[in-house]
Amino acid sequence: MKKIVCLLLGTMLLSASFAQDNKVNPIIKDFGSVYEIPDAVEKPDPKLNYKLLVDLVMASSKPDTINLGIEAACTLLNLHGVGGVPKDKIKMVMAVHNAAGYTVLNNEAYRARYKVDNPNLPMIKALLDAGVKIVVCGQTLKKRGIDPSTLATGVGVATSALTTITTYQLKGYAVIKW
């Protein structure tokens, strides 16, 4: 009997510890899930205004898989949210260039190129809906022969990613490269 009670008690304690490992999505609801870390000694400061510039250069490993850099941008927003930073205190810009340029194609253009639907479109929409500004490098578009009219809805065109990055750095944005 004592063994059964100990086993049940151990199972309950283990279950309680795993229950605290539930993923949360405070800002981007369907992507970039994060864990709450209640005993963290270093957390985002909810009083600060965060200005984040995501420098996205990497492409998806396969056309039918999501771009991990875009997912990481969702995670970055959720990490600030789980740390108590309100969404209105976070400004994010994503500068897309190099091989990542194809990632932000609309579904028709992506399907014509890769023969699969663009798996990144729901994340792109979620980021745009959260107020993230997404721009693709005009130089990348020209060099890779991408027609700007084939970009996903809401994605803008910049003169270049490099000038976007330097401009936002001078405006005080922290640069995160993926």
Protein backbone atom coordinates (compact mmCIF):
# COMPACT_ATOMS: atom_id res chain seq x y z
CA MET A 1 0.00 0.00 0.00
CA LYS A 2 2.84 2.37 0.91
CA LYS A 3 4.45 1.72 -2.49
CA ILE A 4 1.22 2.57 -4.29
CA VAL A 5 0.83 5.84 -2.35
CA CYS A 6 4.46 6.77 -3.11
CA LEU A 7 3.98 5.89 -6.77
CA LEU A 8 0.79 7.98 -7.01
CA LEU A 9 2.41 10.90 -5.19
CA GLY A 10 5.44 10.74 -7.48
CA THR A 11 3.23 10.61 -10.56
CA MET A 12 1.24 13.63 -9.36
CA LEU A 13 4.40 15.64 -8.70
CA LEU A 14 5.84 14.70 -12.07
CA SER A 15 2.56 15.60 -13.78
CA ALA A 16 2.51 18.97 -12.02
CA SER A 17 6.03 19.74 -13.17
CA PHE A 18 5.19 18.82 -16.78
CA ALA A 19 1.99 20.86 -16.63
CA GLN A 20 4.19 23.92 -16.16
CA ASP A 21 5.91 23.10 -19.47
CA ASN A 22 2.92 24.10 -21.58
CA LYS A 23 3.84 26.24 -24.54
CA VAL A 24 2.27 29.69 -24.85
CA ASN A 25 1.78 32.14 -27.70
CA PRO A 26 1.13 35.58 -26.19
CA ILE A 27 1.55 37.64 -29.40
CA ILE A 28 1.68 35.35 -32.45
CA LYS A 29 -1.04 32.83 -31.66
CA ASP A 30 -0.27 29.98 -34.04
CA PHE A 31 3.50 30.13 -34.46
CA GLY A 32 6.67 30.52 -32.43
CA SER A 33 5.45 28.89 -29.23
CA VAL A 34 7.54 29.55 -26.13
CA TYR A 35 7.70 28.42 -22.51
CA GLU A 36 7.12 30.54 -19.45
CA ILE A 37 10.22 30.57 -17.25
CA PRO A 38 8.92 31.93 -13.92
CA ASP A 39 12.25 31.75 -12.10
CA ALA A 40 14.34 33.38 -14.85
CA VAL A 41 16.77 35.97 -13.47
CA GLU A 42 17.07 37.80 -16.81
CA LYS A 43 13.83 38.86 -18.44
CA PRO A 44 12.73 41.47 -20.98
CA ASP A 45 11.92 44.82 -19.38
CA PRO A 46 8.21 45.57 -19.92
CA LYS A 47 8.91 49.30 -19.45
CA LEU A 48 11.23 49.49 -22.48
CA ASN A 49 10.21 50.15 -26.06
CA TYR A 50 11.74 47.37 -28.17
CA LYS A 51 12.87 48.08 -31.72
CA LEU A 52 13.87 44.89 -33.51
CA LEU A 53 15.18 44.40 -37.04
CA VAL A 54 15.21 40.85 -38.36
CA ASP A 55 17.76 40.37 -41.14
CA LEU A 56 16.40 37.31 -42.98
CA VAL A 57 18.79 35.75 -45.50
CA MET A 58 18.23 32.02 -45.12
CA ALA A 59 15.85 30.03 -47.28
CA SER A 60 13.81 27.04 -46.19
CA SER A 61 15.68 23.75 -46.26
CA LYS A 62 12.98 22.34 -48.56
CA PRO A 63 10.23 24.24 -50.41
CA ASP A 64 7.47 22.41 -48.54
CA THR A 65 8.83 23.31 -45.10
CA ILE A 66 8.51 26.59 -43.24
CA ASN A 67 11.34 29.09 -43.15
CA LEU A 68 12.91 28.73 -39.71
CA GLY A 69 13.96 32.39 -39.74
CA ILE A 70 10.36 33.54 -40.12
CA GLU A 71 9.31 31.14 -37.37
CA ALA A 72 12.14 32.52 -35.21
CA ALA A 73 10.74 36.04 -35.71
CA CYS A 74 7.40 34.76 -34.38
CA THR A 75 9.24 33.21 -31.46
CA LEU A 76 11.11 36.45 -30.80
CA LEU A 77 7.82 38.35 -30.47
CA ASN A 78 6.36 35.65 -28.22
CA LEU A 79 9.48 35.65 -26.03
CA HIS A 80 9.06 39.35 -25.40
CA GLY A 81 5.36 38.80 -24.76
CA VAL A 82 5.91 35.97 -22.29
CA GLY A 83 8.40 38.26 -20.55
CA GLY A 84 5.62 40.78 -19.98
CA VAL A 85 6.34 43.24 -22.79
CA PRO A 86 3.05 44.50 -24.29
CA LYS A 87 2.71 44.17 -28.07
CA ASP A 88 2.41 47.95 -28.43
CA LYS A 89 5.92 48.35 -26.98
CA ILE A 90 7.49 46.21 -29.72
CA LYS A 91 8.31 47.47 -33.20
CA MET A 92 9.69 44.91 -35.62
CA VAL A 93 10.93 45.21 -39.18
CA MET A 94 11.97 42.21 -41.25
CA ALA A 95 14.42 42.81 -44.11
CA VAL A 96 14.29 39.83 -46.49
CA HIS A 97 17.08 39.24 -49.00
CA ASN A 98 19.35 36.75 -50.69
CA ALA A 99 17.88 33.21 -50.92
CA ALA A 100 15.07 34.17 -48.52
CA GLY A 101 13.60 36.37 -51.26
CA TYR A 102 11.63 33.41 -52.63
CA THR A 103 10.13 32.78 -49.20
CA VAL A 104 7.86 35.82 -49.46
CA LEU A 105 6.34 34.97 -52.85
CA ASN A 106 2.56 34.78 -53.09
CA ASN A 107 1.12 31.28 -53.36
CA GLU A 108 0.67 31.35 -57.14
CA ALA A 109 4.29 32.35 -57.82
CA TYR A 110 5.64 29.97 -55.17
CA ARG A 111 3.63 27.07 -56.59
CA ALA A 112 4.83 27.87 -60.12
CA ARG A 113 8.43 27.80 -58.91
CA TYR A 114 8.36 24.88 -56.42
CA LYS A 115 5.19 22.88 -57.30
CA VAL A 116 3.94 23.20 -53.68
CA ASP A 117 1.95 25.79 -51.75
CA ASN A 118 3.96 28.41 -49.86
CA PRO A 119 3.98 27.12 -46.26
CA ASN A 120 5.22 30.51 -45.00
CA LEU A 121 2.16 32.55 -45.92
CA PRO A 122 0.25 31.95 -42.65
CA MET A 123 3.30 33.06 -40.62
CA ILE A 124 3.84 36.09 -42.86
CA LYS A 125 0.19 37.07 -42.39
CA ALA A 126 0.43 36.56 -38.61
CA LEU A 127 3.51 38.80 -38.45
CA LEU A 128 1.87 41.48 -40.58
CA ASP A 129 -1.29 41.29 -38.45
CA ALA A 130 0.91 41.81 -35.36
CA GLY A 131 2.24 45.03 -36.89
CA VAL A 132 5.54 43.73 -38.25
CA LYS A 133 6.80 45.57 -41.33
CA ILE A 134 8.17 43.11 -43.90
CA VAL A 135 10.24 44.38 -46.81
CA VAL A 136 12.19 42.48 -49.44
CA CYS A 137 15.40 43.77 -50.96
CA GLY A 138 14.83 45.35 -54.38
CA GLN A 139 18.35 44.30 -55.39
CA THR A 140 17.49 40.68 -54.58
CA LEU A 141 14.34 40.95 -56.68
CA LYS A 142 16.28 42.27 -59.67
CA LYS A 143 19.20 39.82 -59.37
CA ARG A 144 16.91 36.81 -58.98
CA GLY A 145 14.34 37.90 -61.55
CA ILE A 146 11.48 38.11 -59.05
CA ASP A 147 8.57 40.28 -60.17
CA PRO A 148 7.46 42.53 -57.25
CA SER A 149 3.82 41.86 -58.18
CA THR A 150 4.35 38.20 -57.16
CA LEU A 151 5.13 39.02 -53.53
CA ALA A 152 2.81 37.98 -50.72
CA THR A 153 0.15 40.53 -49.82
CA GLY A 154 1.51 43.10 -47.39
CA VAL A 155 5.20 42.57 -48.21
CA GLY A 156 6.86 45.79 -49.38
CA VAL A 157 9.93 46.44 -51.50
CA ALA A 158 13.02 48.26 -50.20
CA THR A 159 15.78 49.82 -52.28
CA SER A 160 18.04 47.26 -50.63
CA ALA A 161 18.26 45.17 -47.50
CA LEU A 162 21.63 46.74 -46.69
CA THR A 163 20.26 50.28 -46.65
CA THR A 164 17.21 49.12 -44.71
CA ILE A 165 19.48 47.55 -42.10
CA THR A 166 21.77 50.57 -41.77
CA THR A 167 18.83 52.99 -41.66
CA TYR A 168 17.06 51.09 -38.90
CA GLN A 169 20.31 50.59 -36.97
CA LEU A 170 20.75 54.36 -36.94
CA LYS A 171 17.16 54.60 -35.65
CA GLY A 172 18.16 52.43 -32.68
CA TYR A 173 16.90 49.02 -33.81
CA ALA A 174 18.63 45.88 -32.54
CA VAL A 175 19.61 43.60 -35.46
CA ILE A 176 18.97 39.87 -35.32
CA LYS A 177 20.18 37.85 -38.32
CA TRP A 178 18.66 34.59 -39.54
